[in-house]
Amino acid sequence: MSKAHRGKGLRDQVSWGRGTCPVCKRDNVKILYELEADGNKIKICKTCKAAVAHGKKSVS
């Protein structure tokens, strides 16, 4: 099967969805997951999403 459409949802985002995660401060990671923090929606990386969900990290 062809894989022509893989990543299609990222093509319309700035830098193909990559940036700096506001929680872990890593550069050039995919920032895809929205999180409600202090009444604002922020986008975080996949590892921070899992860590926040399990209580290992907090969003400040």
N, C-alpha and C. Protein backbone atom coordinates (compact mmCIF):
# COMPACT_ATOMS: atom_id res chain seq x y z
N MET A 1 0.83 -1.18 0.00
CA MET A 1 0.00 0.00 0.00
C MET A 1 0.87 1.25 0.00
N SER A 2 0.38 2.25 -0.63
CA SER A 2 1.09 3.51 -0.72
C SER A 2 0.99 4.29 0.60
N LYS A 3 1.99 5.08 0.89
CA LYS A 3 2.00 5.89 2.11
C LYS A 3 2.06 7.37 1.75
N ALA A 4 1.32 7.74 0.72
CA ALA A 4 1.37 9.11 0.21
C ALA A 4 0.71 10.12 1.15
N HIS A 5 -0.20 9.67 1.99
CA HIS A 5 -0.94 10.60 2.84
C HIS A 5 -0.42 10.65 4.27
N ARG A 6 0.67 9.98 4.56
CA ARG A 6 1.22 9.98 5.90
C ARG A 6 1.74 11.38 6.25
N GLY A 7 1.28 11.94 7.35
CA GLY A 7 1.70 13.27 7.75
C GLY A 7 0.93 14.39 7.07
N LYS A 8 -0.16 14.06 6.41
CA LYS A 8 -0.90 15.07 5.67
C LYS A 8 -1.47 16.15 6.58
N GLY A 9 -1.87 15.78 7.79
CA GLY A 9 -2.42 16.74 8.73
C GLY A 9 -1.42 17.74 9.26
N LEU A 10 -0.14 17.46 9.12
CA LEU A 10 0.91 18.35 9.60
C LEU A 10 1.36 19.35 8.55
N ARG A 11 1.03 19.13 7.30
CA ARG A 11 1.53 19.97 6.22
C ARG A 11 1.00 21.39 6.26
N ASP A 12 -0.20 21.57 6.81
CA ASP A 12 -0.79 22.90 6.84
C ASP A 12 -0.38 23.70 8.08
N GLN A 13 0.32 23.09 9.02
CA GLN A 13 0.76 23.79 10.22
C GLN A 13 2.11 24.45 10.01
N VAL A 14 2.40 25.43 10.85
CA VAL A 14 3.68 26.13 10.76
C VAL A 14 4.80 25.17 11.11
N SER A 15 5.82 25.12 10.31
CA SER A 15 6.99 24.24 10.49
C SER A 15 6.59 22.78 10.65
N TRP A 16 5.52 22.39 9.99
CA TRP A 16 5.02 21.02 10.04
C TRP A 16 4.78 20.55 11.48
N GLY A 17 4.29 21.45 12.32
CA GLY A 17 3.91 21.09 13.68
C GLY A 17 5.06 21.04 14.66
N ARG A 18 6.22 21.52 14.26
CA ARG A 18 7.39 21.45 15.15
C ARG A 18 7.65 22.79 15.82
N GLY A 19 8.19 22.73 17.02
CA GLY A 19 8.49 23.94 17.77
C GLY A 19 9.11 23.60 19.11
N THR A 20 9.03 24.52 20.06
CA THR A 20 9.57 24.33 21.39
C THR A 20 8.42 24.03 22.35
N CYS A 21 8.54 22.94 23.09
CA CYS A 21 7.52 22.56 24.05
C CYS A 21 7.61 23.49 25.26
N PRO A 22 6.49 24.08 25.69
CA PRO A 22 6.53 25.00 26.83
C PRO A 22 6.73 24.31 28.16
N VAL A 23 6.57 23.01 28.25
CA VAL A 23 6.73 22.29 29.52
C VAL A 23 8.16 21.83 29.70
N CYS A 24 8.71 21.11 28.72
CA CYS A 24 10.07 20.56 28.87
C CYS A 24 11.14 21.40 28.20
N LYS A 25 10.74 22.43 27.43
CA LYS A 25 11.64 23.37 26.76
C LYS A 25 12.53 22.73 25.71
N ARG A 26 12.14 21.57 25.17
CA ARG A 26 12.93 20.96 24.10
C ARG A 26 12.60 21.63 22.78
N ASP A 27 13.61 21.75 21.93
CA ASP A 27 13.45 22.39 20.63
C ASP A 27 13.16 21.36 19.55
N ASN A 28 12.46 21.81 18.51
CA ASN A 28 12.23 21.05 17.28
C ASN A 28 11.54 19.71 17.52
N VAL A 29 10.59 19.67 18.45
CA VAL A 29 9.77 18.48 18.64
C VAL A 29 8.37 18.78 18.14
N LYS A 30 7.61 17.75 17.84
CA LYS A 30 6.25 17.96 17.35
C LYS A 30 5.36 18.41 18.51
N ILE A 31 4.73 19.55 18.32
CA ILE A 31 3.84 20.14 19.32
C ILE A 31 2.42 19.93 18.81
N LEU A 32 1.80 18.81 19.21
CA LEU A 32 0.53 18.43 18.61
C LEU A 32 -0.62 18.32 19.60
N TYR A 33 -0.34 18.22 20.87
CA TYR A 33 -1.37 17.89 21.85
C TYR A 33 -1.80 19.12 22.63
N GLU A 34 -3.09 19.43 22.60
CA GLU A 34 -3.62 20.60 23.31
C GLU A 34 -3.89 20.24 24.76
N LEU A 35 -3.61 21.20 25.65
CA LEU A 35 -3.83 21.02 27.08
C LEU A 35 -4.38 22.30 27.65
N GLU A 36 -5.37 22.17 28.51
CA GLU A 36 -5.97 23.34 29.17
C GLU A 36 -5.16 23.64 30.41
N ALA A 37 -4.54 24.83 30.46
CA ALA A 37 -3.73 25.23 31.61
C ALA A 37 -4.01 26.68 31.94
N ASP A 38 -4.46 26.93 33.15
CA ASP A 38 -4.75 28.28 33.63
C ASP A 38 -5.75 29.00 32.74
N GLY A 39 -6.71 28.27 32.20
CA GLY A 39 -7.72 28.86 31.35
C GLY A 39 -7.28 29.08 29.92
N ASN A 40 -6.04 28.75 29.60
CA ASN A 40 -5.52 28.91 28.24
C ASN A 40 -5.24 27.54 27.65
N LYS A 41 -5.41 27.43 26.33
CA LYS A 41 -5.05 26.20 25.65
C LYS A 41 -3.62 26.33 25.16
N ILE A 42 -2.78 25.37 25.53
CA ILE A 42 -1.40 25.34 25.05
C ILE A 42 -1.18 24.02 24.33
N LYS A 43 -0.21 24.00 23.46
CA LYS A 43 0.15 22.78 22.75
C LYS A 43 1.46 22.26 23.32
N ILE A 44 1.50 20.96 23.63
CA ILE A 44 2.68 20.34 24.22
C ILE A 44 3.07 19.10 23.42
N CYS A 45 4.24 18.56 23.72
CA CYS A 45 4.73 17.39 23.00
C CYS A 45 4.12 16.11 23.58
N LYS A 46 4.36 15.00 22.92
CA LYS A 46 3.75 13.73 23.29
C LYS A 46 4.24 13.23 24.65
N THR A 47 5.51 13.35 24.95
CA THR A 47 6.03 12.86 26.22
C THR A 47 5.52 13.68 27.39
N CYS A 48 5.40 14.98 27.21
CA CYS A 48 4.86 15.83 28.28
C CYS A 48 3.38 15.57 28.48
N LYS A 49 2.66 15.26 27.42
CA LYS A 49 1.24 14.93 27.54
C LYS A 49 1.06 13.71 28.42
N ALA A 50 1.88 12.69 28.21
CA ALA A 50 1.80 11.47 29.01
C ALA A 50 2.22 11.74 30.45
N ALA A 51 3.26 12.54 30.64
CA ALA A 51 3.75 12.82 31.99
C ALA A 51 2.74 13.63 32.79
N VAL A 52 2.07 14.57 32.16
CA VAL A 52 1.05 15.37 32.84
C VAL A 52 -0.15 14.49 33.18
N ALA A 53 -0.51 13.59 32.28
CA ALA A 53 -1.66 12.71 32.52
C ALA A 53 -1.40 11.75 33.68
N HIS A 54 -0.15 11.33 33.86
CA HIS A 54 0.18 10.41 34.93
C HIS A 54 0.62 11.12 36.21
N GLY A 55 0.63 12.45 36.21
CA GLY A 55 0.97 13.19 37.41
C GLY A 55 2.45 13.37 37.66
N LYS A 56 3.28 13.08 36.69
CA LYS A 56 4.73 13.19 36.86
C LYS A 56 5.24 14.60 36.63
N LYS A 57 4.54 15.37 35.80
CA LYS A 57 4.88 16.77 35.52
C LYS A 57 3.66 17.63 35.74
N SER A 58 3.90 18.89 36.01
CA SER A 58 2.80 19.83 36.12
C SER A 58 3.06 21.00 35.19
N VAL A 59 1.99 21.57 34.70
CA VAL A 59 2.10 22.70 33.79
C VAL A 59 2.00 23.96 34.63
N SER A 60 3.04 24.80 34.54
CA SER A 60 3.02 26.04 35.33
C SER A 60 2.94 27.25 34.46
